[in-house]
Amino acid sequence: MDRLNGYLRDKHMLLPLDNFEQMADAAPLVADLLAGCPWLKVLLTSRAPLRVRQEWKFPMSPLAVPDLAQLPDMEAL
């Protein structure tokens, strides 16, 4: 963790983490990275909040699934 923090400390970086609910136990590690790396931004998707100080939540509804029986033809798509 110290090496990662040292590497990221001066980097301007966006770190995407998808489906983070599967790794929720790592939330304190993400919080430590954010605290130690002022230019790091994390874009994280999860069904559960991290509950860390730097968190901003944007609740979203699930995306609609098309009706496979009534798809438009390929030209229209």
PDB file of N, CA and C in Angstrom:
ATOM      1  N   MET A   1       0.824  -1.186   0.000  1.00  0.00           N
ATOM      2  CA  MET A   1       0.000   0.000   0.000  1.00  0.00           C
ATOM      3  C   MET A   1       0.876   1.259   0.000  1.00  0.00           C
ATOM      4  N   ASP A   2       1.989   1.214   0.707  1.00  0.00           N
ATOM      5  CA  ASP A   2       2.899   2.367   0.731  1.00  0.00           C
ATOM      6  C   ASP A   2       3.471   2.657  -0.657  1.00  0.00           C
ATOM      7  N   ARG A   3       3.814   1.606  -1.387  1.00  0.00           N
ATOM      8  CA  ARG A   3       4.364   1.784  -2.738  1.00  0.00           C
ATOM      9  C   ARG A   3       3.315   2.379  -3.674  1.00  0.00           C
ATOM     10  N   LEU A   4       2.082   1.875  -3.566  1.00  0.00           N
ATOM     11  CA  LEU A   4       1.002   2.393  -4.404  1.00  0.00           C
ATOM     12  C   LEU A   4       0.716   3.852  -4.080  1.00  0.00           C
ATOM     13  N   ASN A   5       0.667   4.167  -2.799  1.00  0.00           N
ATOM     14  CA  ASN A   5       0.452   5.541  -2.363  1.00  0.00           C
ATOM     15  C   ASN A   5       1.576   6.444  -2.867  1.00  0.00           C
ATOM     16  N   GLY A   6       2.811   5.979  -2.761  1.00  0.00           N
ATOM     17  CA  GLY A   6       3.946   6.753  -3.249  1.00  0.00           C
ATOM     18  C   GLY A   6       3.897   6.978  -4.749  1.00  0.00           C
ATOM     19  N   TYR A   7       3.484   5.965  -5.486  1.00  0.00           N
ATOM     20  CA  TYR A   7       3.400   6.070  -6.944  1.00  0.00           C
ATOM     21  C   TYR A   7       2.306   7.055  -7.362  1.00  0.00           C
ATOM     22  N   LEU A   8       1.156   6.995  -6.701  1.00  0.00           N
ATOM     23  CA  LEU A   8       0.009   7.810  -7.092  1.00  0.00           C
ATOM     24  C   LEU A   8       0.020   9.218  -6.494  1.00  0.00           C
ATOM     25  N   ARG A   9       0.867   9.468  -5.517  1.00  0.00           N
ATOM     26  CA  ARG A   9       0.828  10.726  -4.760  1.00  0.00           C
ATOM     27  C   ARG A   9       0.831  11.965  -5.650  1.00  0.00           C
ATOM     28  N   ASP A  10       1.663  12.001  -6.674  1.00  0.00           N
ATOM     29  CA  ASP A  10       1.780  13.193  -7.520  1.00  0.00           C
ATOM     30  C   ASP A  10       1.119  13.031  -8.883  1.00  0.00           C
ATOM     31  N   LYS A  11       0.389  11.953  -9.075  1.00  0.00           N
ATOM     32  CA  LYS A  11      -0.258  11.699 -10.365  1.00  0.00           C
ATOM     33  C   LYS A  11      -1.651  12.326 -10.397  1.00  0.00           C
ATOM     34  N   HIS A  12      -2.005  12.883 -11.541  1.00  0.00           N
ATOM     35  CA  HIS A  12      -3.374  13.324 -11.807  1.00  0.00           C
ATOM     36  C   HIS A  12      -4.038  12.136 -12.494  1.00  0.00           C
ATOM     37  N   MET A  13      -4.905  11.444 -11.777  1.00  0.00           N
ATOM     38  CA  MET A  13      -5.415  10.181 -12.296  1.00  0.00           C
ATOM     39  C   MET A  13      -6.859   9.952 -11.889  1.00  0.00           C
ATOM     40  N   LEU A  14      -7.604   9.315 -12.807  1.00  0.00           N
ATOM     41  CA  LEU A  14      -8.944   8.831 -12.522  1.00  0.00           C
ATOM     42  C   LEU A  14      -8.862   7.316 -12.435  1.00  0.00           C
ATOM     43  N   LEU A  15      -9.290   6.766 -11.315  1.00  0.00           N
ATOM     44  CA  LEU A  15      -9.255   5.322 -11.093  1.00  0.00           C
ATOM     45  C   LEU A  15     -10.686   4.794 -11.102  1.00  0.00           C
ATOM     46  N   PRO A  16     -11.129   4.123 -12.197  1.00  0.00           N
ATOM     47  CA  PRO A  16     -12.481   3.563 -12.218  1.00  0.00           C
ATOM     48  C   PRO A  16     -12.505   2.188 -11.539  1.00  0.00           C
ATOM     49  N   LEU A  17     -13.477   1.994 -10.685  1.00  0.00           N
ATOM     50  CA  LEU A  17     -13.683   0.708 -10.001  1.00  0.00           C
ATOM     51  C   LEU A  17     -15.145   0.326 -10.162  1.00  0.00           C
ATOM     52  N   ASP A  18     -15.418  -0.745 -10.875  1.00  0.00           N
ATOM     53  CA  ASP A  18     -16.786  -1.159 -11.190  1.00  0.00           C
ATOM     54  C   ASP A  18     -17.201  -2.332 -10.303  1.00  0.00           C
ATOM     55  N   ASN A  19     -18.479  -2.380  -9.961  1.00  0.00           N
ATOM     56  CA  ASN A  19     -19.042  -3.462  -9.124  1.00  0.00           C
ATOM     57  C   ASN A  19     -18.304  -3.583  -7.792  1.00  0.00           C
ATOM     58  N   PHE A  20     -18.060  -2.473  -7.156  1.00  0.00           N
ATOM     59  CA  PHE A  20     -17.244  -2.466  -5.953  1.00  0.00           C
ATOM     60  C   PHE A  20     -17.908  -3.172  -4.773  1.00  0.00           C
ATOM     61  N   GLU A  21     -19.228  -3.415  -4.845  1.00  0.00           N
ATOM     62  CA  GLU A  21     -19.882  -4.113  -3.744  1.00  0.00           C
ATOM     63  C   GLU A  21     -19.268  -5.499  -3.525  1.00  0.00           C
ATOM     64  N   GLN A  22     -18.636  -6.035  -4.547  1.00  0.00           N
ATOM     65  CA  GLN A  22     -17.985  -7.340  -4.421  1.00  0.00           C
ATOM     66  C   GLN A  22     -16.668  -7.242  -3.649  1.00  0.00           C
ATOM     67  N   MET A  23     -16.164  -6.015  -3.472  1.00  0.00           N
ATOM     68  CA  MET A  23     -14.903  -5.806  -2.753  1.00  0.00           C
ATOM     69  C   MET A  23     -15.081  -4.764  -1.658  1.00  0.00           C
ATOM     70  N   ALA A  24     -16.245  -4.703  -1.044  1.00  0.00           N
ATOM     71  CA  ALA A  24     -16.577  -3.657  -0.076  1.00  0.00           C
ATOM     72  C   ALA A  24     -15.581  -3.601   1.086  1.00  0.00           C
ATOM     73  N   ASP A  25     -14.956  -4.701   1.403  1.00  0.00           N
ATOM     74  CA  ASP A  25     -13.968  -4.708   2.490  1.00  0.00           C
ATOM     75  C   ASP A  25     -12.749  -3.845   2.169  1.00  0.00           C
ATOM     76  N   ALA A  26     -12.557  -3.508   0.901  1.00  0.00           N
ATOM     77  CA  ALA A  26     -11.418  -2.688   0.502  1.00  0.00           C
ATOM     78  C   ALA A  26     -11.721  -1.190   0.600  1.00  0.00           C
ATOM     79  N   ALA A  27     -12.899  -0.811   1.056  1.00  0.00           N
ATOM     80  CA  ALA A  27     -13.267   0.611   1.162  1.00  0.00           C
ATOM     81  C   ALA A  27     -12.254   1.419   1.978  1.00  0.00           C
ATOM     82  N   PRO A  28     -11.752   0.910   3.111  1.00  0.00           N
ATOM     83  CA  PRO A  28     -10.745   1.697   3.838  1.00  0.00           C
ATOM     84  C   PRO A  28      -9.459   1.930   3.027  1.00  0.00           C
ATOM     85  N   LEU A  29      -9.100   0.996   2.169  1.00  0.00           N
ATOM     86  CA  LEU A  29      -7.912   1.176   1.327  1.00  0.00           C
ATOM     87  C   LEU A  29      -8.141   2.300   0.316  1.00  0.00           C
ATOM     88  N   VAL A  30      -9.345   2.348  -0.263  1.00  0.00           N
ATOM     89  CA  VAL A  30      -9.678   3.422  -1.203  1.00  0.00           C
ATOM     90  C   VAL A  30      -9.653   4.764  -0.463  1.00  0.00           C
ATOM     91  N   ALA A  31     -10.200   4.804   0.739  1.00  0.00           N
ATOM     92  CA  ALA A  31     -10.195   6.040   1.538  1.00  0.00           C
ATOM     93  C   ALA A  31      -8.759   6.473   1.844  1.00  0.00           C
ATOM     94  N   ASP A  32      -7.884   5.536   2.158  1.00  0.00           N
ATOM     95  CA  ASP A  32      -6.476   5.870   2.418  1.00  0.00           C
ATOM     96  C   ASP A  32      -5.797   6.427   1.171  1.00  0.00           C
ATOM     97  N   LEU A  33      -6.089   5.829   0.016  1.00  0.00           N
ATOM     98  CA  LEU A  33      -5.510   6.339  -1.229  1.00  0.00           C
ATOM     99  C   LEU A  33      -5.979   7.766  -1.496  1.00  0.00           C
ATOM    100  N   LEU A  34      -7.264   8.010  -1.308  1.00  0.00           N
ATOM    101  CA  LEU A  34      -7.801   9.352  -1.540  1.00  0.00           C
ATOM    102  C   LEU A  34      -7.200  10.369  -0.572  1.00  0.00           C
ATOM    103  N   ALA A  35      -6.979   9.954   0.655  1.00  0.00           N
ATOM    104  CA  ALA A  35      -6.398  10.855   1.659  1.00  0.00           C
ATOM    105  C   ALA A  35      -4.930  11.159   1.353  1.00  0.00           C
ATOM    106  N   GLY A  36      -4.203  10.189   0.828  1.00  0.00           N
ATOM    107  CA  GLY A  36      -2.775  10.359   0.593  1.00  0.00           C
ATOM    108  C   GLY A  36      -2.406  10.848  -0.789  1.00  0.00           C
ATOM    109  N   CYS A  37      -3.361  10.869  -1.701  1.00  0.00           N
ATOM    110  CA  CYS A  37      -3.079  11.246  -3.093  1.00  0.00           C
ATOM    111  C   CYS A  37      -4.036  12.366  -3.500  1.00  0.00           C
ATOM    112  N   PRO A  38      -3.631  13.613  -3.347  1.00  0.00           N
ATOM    113  CA  PRO A  38      -4.556  14.729  -3.542  1.00  0.00           C
ATOM    114  C   PRO A  38      -5.102  14.877  -4.962  1.00  0.00           C
ATOM    115  N   TRP A  39      -4.411  14.342  -5.969  1.00  0.00           N
ATOM    116  CA  TRP A  39      -4.859  14.483  -7.352  1.00  0.00           C
ATOM    117  C   TRP A  39      -5.608  13.256  -7.847  1.00  0.00           C
ATOM    118  N   LEU A  40      -5.744  12.250  -7.026  1.00  0.00           N
ATOM    119  CA  LEU A  40      -6.445  11.029  -7.411  1.00  0.00           C
ATOM    120  C   LEU A  40      -7.952  11.224  -7.294  1.00  0.00           C
ATOM    121  N   LYS A  41      -8.668  10.796  -8.316  1.00  0.00           N
ATOM    122  CA  LYS A  41     -10.134  10.758  -8.298  1.00  0.00           C
ATOM    123  C   LYS A  41     -10.548   9.319  -8.557  1.00  0.00           C
ATOM    124  N   VAL A  42     -11.557   8.862  -7.834  1.00  0.00           N
ATOM    125  CA  VAL A  42     -12.058   7.496  -7.996  1.00  0.00           C
ATOM    126  C   VAL A  42     -13.498   7.573  -8.475  1.00  0.00           C
ATOM    127  N   LEU A  43     -13.791   6.888  -9.569  1.00  0.00           N
ATOM    128  CA  LEU A  43     -15.157   6.737 -10.063  1.00  0.00           C
ATOM    129  C   LEU A  43     -15.536   5.295  -9.785  1.00  0.00           C
ATOM    130  N   LEU A  44     -16.447   5.120  -8.866  1.00  0.00           N
ATOM    131  CA  LEU A  44     -16.732   3.793  -8.344  1.00  0.00           C
ATOM    132  C   LEU A  44     -18.213   3.482  -8.518  1.00  0.00           C
ATOM    133  N   THR A  45     -18.519   2.315  -9.043  1.00  0.00           N
ATOM    134  CA  THR A  45     -19.906   1.879  -9.104  1.00  0.00           C
ATOM    135  C   THR A  45     -20.107   0.783  -8.072  1.00  0.00           C
ATOM    136  N   SER A  46     -21.270   0.849  -7.426  1.00  0.00           N
ATOM    137  CA  SER A  46     -21.567  -0.131  -6.383  1.00  0.00           C
ATOM    138  C   SER A  46     -23.056  -0.078  -6.065  1.00  0.00           C
ATOM    139  N   ARG A  47     -23.578  -1.164  -5.576  1.00  0.00           N
ATOM    140  CA  ARG A  47     -24.965  -1.186  -5.118  1.00  0.00           C
ATOM    141  C   ARG A  47     -25.074  -0.755  -3.667  1.00  0.00           C
ATOM    142  N   ALA A  48     -23.939  -0.588  -3.017  1.00  0.00           N
ATOM    143  CA  ALA A  48     -23.906  -0.175  -1.610  1.00  0.00           C
ATOM    144  C   ALA A  48     -22.912   0.975  -1.458  1.00  0.00           C
ATOM    145  N   PRO A  49     -23.216   1.956  -0.608  1.00  0.00           N
ATOM    146  CA  PRO A  49     -22.279   3.070  -0.419  1.00  0.00           C
ATOM    147  C   PRO A  49     -21.008   2.618   0.296  1.00  0.00           C
ATOM    148  N   LEU A  50     -19.922   3.351   0.058  1.00  0.00           N
ATOM    149  CA  LEU A  50     -18.655   3.053   0.728  1.00  0.00           C
ATOM    150  C   LEU A  50     -18.673   3.489   2.189  1.00  0.00           C
ATOM    151  N   ARG A  51     -19.354   4.600   2.431  1.00  0.00           N
ATOM    152  CA  ARG A  51     -19.383   5.221   3.760  1.00  0.00           C
ATOM    153  C   ARG A  51     -18.006   5.754   4.151  1.00  0.00           C
ATOM    154  N   VAL A  52     -17.394   6.459   3.206  1.00  0.00           N
ATOM    155  CA  VAL A  52     -16.140   7.160   3.487  1.00  0.00           C
ATOM    156  C   VAL A  52     -16.390   8.655   3.356  1.00  0.00           C
ATOM    157  N   ARG A  53     -15.571   9.446   4.008  1.00  0.00           N
ATOM    158  CA  ARG A  53     -15.786  10.883   4.089  1.00  0.00           C
ATOM    159  C   ARG A  53     -15.825  11.562   2.720  1.00  0.00           C
ATOM    160  N   GLN A  54     -15.008  11.148   1.797  1.00  0.00           N
ATOM    161  CA  GLN A  54     -14.908  11.813   0.502  1.00  0.00           C
ATOM    162  C   GLN A  54     -15.988  11.386  -0.493  1.00  0.00           C
ATOM    163  N   GLU A  55     -16.896  10.542  -0.088  1.00  0.00           N
ATOM    164  CA  GLU A  55     -17.867   9.953  -1.015  1.00  0.00           C
ATOM    165  C   GLU A  55     -18.956  10.946  -1.423  1.00  0.00           C
ATOM    166  N   TRP A  56     -19.251  10.937  -2.719  1.00  0.00           N
ATOM    167  CA  TRP A  56     -20.409  11.638  -3.267  1.00  0.00           C
ATOM    168  C   TRP A  56     -21.267  10.572  -3.909  1.00  0.00           C
ATOM    169  N   LYS A  57     -22.537  10.517  -3.550  1.00  0.00           N
ATOM    170  CA  LYS A  57     -23.419   9.479  -4.081  1.00  0.00           C
ATOM    171  C   LYS A  57     -24.327  10.054  -5.164  1.00  0.00           C
ATOM    172  N   PHE A  58     -24.461   9.320  -6.237  1.00  0.00           N
ATOM    173  CA  PHE A  58     -25.370   9.644  -7.324  1.00  0.00           C
ATOM    174  C   PHE A  58     -26.247   8.422  -7.579  1.00  0.00           C
ATOM    175  N   PRO A  59     -27.363   8.288  -6.850  1.00  0.00           N
ATOM    176  CA  PRO A  59     -28.231   7.125  -7.062  1.00  0.00           C
ATOM    177  C   PRO A  59     -28.779   7.115  -8.484  1.00  0.00           C
ATOM    178  N   MET A  60     -28.802   5.952  -9.065  1.00  0.00           N
ATOM    179  CA  MET A  60     -29.300   5.792 -10.432  1.00  0.00           C
ATOM    180  C   MET A  60     -30.243   4.607 -10.496  1.00  0.00           C
ATOM    181  N   SER A  61     -31.236   4.728 -11.334  1.00  0.00           N
ATOM    182  CA  SER A  61     -32.132   3.607 -11.591  1.00  0.00           C
ATOM    183  C   SER A  61     -31.442   2.637 -12.536  1.00  0.00           C
ATOM    184  N   PRO A  62     -31.833   1.380 -12.491  1.00  0.00           N
ATOM    185  CA  PRO A  62     -31.248   0.428 -13.447  1.00  0.00           C
ATOM    186  C   PRO A  62     -31.582   0.836 -14.880  1.00  0.00           C
ATOM    187  N   LEU A  63     -30.699   0.511 -15.804  1.00  0.00           N
ATOM    188  CA  LEU A  63     -30.958   0.793 -17.212  1.00  0.00           C
ATOM    189  C   LEU A  63     -32.062  -0.118 -17.728  1.00  0.00           C
ATOM    190  N   ALA A  64     -32.856   0.410 -18.625  1.00  0.00           N
ATOM    191  CA  ALA A  64     -33.935  -0.383 -19.222  1.00  0.00           C
ATOM    192  C   ALA A  64     -33.347  -1.446 -20.147  1.00  0.00           C
ATOM    193  N   VAL A  65     -33.991  -2.562 -20.199  1.00  0.00           N
ATOM    194  CA  VAL A  65     -33.583  -3.652 -21.075  1.00  0.00           C
ATOM    195  C   VAL A  65     -34.564  -3.677 -22.245  1.00  0.00           C
ATOM    196  N   PRO A  66     -34.056  -3.705 -23.478  1.00  0.00           N
ATOM    197  CA  PRO A  66     -34.978  -3.694 -24.624  1.00  0.00           C
ATOM    198  C   PRO A  66     -35.773  -4.991 -24.703  1.00  0.00           C
ATOM    199  N   ASP A  67     -36.946  -4.875 -25.279  1.00  0.00           N
ATOM    200  CA  ASP A  67     -37.784  -6.055 -25.524  1.00  0.00           C
ATOM    201  C   ASP A  67     -37.200  -6.789 -26.722  1.00  0.00           C
ATOM    202  N   LEU A  68     -36.587  -7.921 -26.491  1.00  0.00           N
ATOM    203  CA  LEU A  68     -35.902  -8.660 -27.558  1.00  0.00           C
ATOM    204  C   LEU A  68     -36.857  -9.157 -28.625  1.00  0.00           C
ATOM    205  N   ALA A  69     -38.144  -9.279 -28.292  1.00  0.00           N
ATOM    206  CA  ALA A  69     -39.129  -9.746 -29.267  1.00  0.00           C
ATOM    207  C   ALA A  69     -39.526  -8.634 -30.248  1.00  0.00           C
ATOM    208  N   GLN A  70     -39.255  -7.370 -29.908  1.00  0.00           N
ATOM    209  CA  GLN A  70     -39.690  -6.258 -30.759  1.00  0.00           C
ATOM    210  C   GLN A  70     -38.553  -5.296 -31.070  1.00  0.00           C
ATOM    211  N   LEU A  71     -37.400  -5.820 -31.394  1.00  0.00           N
ATOM    212  CA  LEU A  71     -36.265  -4.971 -31.761  1.00  0.00           C
ATOM    213  C   LEU A  71     -36.459  -4.415 -33.173  1.00  0.00           C
ATOM    214  N   PRO A  72     -36.014  -3.174 -33.404  1.00  0.00           N
ATOM    215  CA  PRO A  72     -36.071  -2.648 -34.775  1.00  0.00           C
ATOM    216  C   PRO A  72     -35.102  -3.419 -35.673  1.00  0.00           C
ATOM    217  N   ASP A  73     -35.308  -3.286 -36.969  1.00  0.00           N
ATOM    218  CA  ASP A  73     -34.396  -3.982 -37.892  1.00  0.00           C
ATOM    219  C   ASP A  73     -33.011  -3.341 -37.848  1.00  0.00           C
ATOM    220  N   MET A  74     -32.041  -3.983 -38.419  1.00  0.00           N
ATOM    221  CA  MET A  74     -30.646  -3.545 -38.338  1.00  0.00           C
ATOM    222  C   MET A  74     -30.440  -2.161 -38.955  1.00  0.00           C
ATOM    223  N   GLU A  75     -31.160  -1.844 -40.041  1.00  0.00           N
ATOM    224  CA  GLU A  75     -31.010  -0.536 -40.668  1.00  0.00           C
ATOM    225  C   GLU A  75     -31.435   0.581 -39.719  1.00  0.00           C
ATOM    226  N   ALA A  76     -32.518   0.372 -38.989  1.00  0.00           N
ATOM    227  CA  ALA A  76     -33.005   1.389 -38.064  1.00  0.00           C
ATOM    228  C   ALA A  76     -32.035   1.567 -36.898  1.00  0.00           C
ATOM    229  N   LEU A  77     -31.419   0.466 -36.482  1.00  0.00           N
ATOM    230  CA  LEU A  77     -30.448   0.570 -35.392  1.00  0.00           C
ATOM    231  C   LEU A  77     -29.231   1.336 -35.836  1.00  0.00           C
TER     232      LEU A  77
END
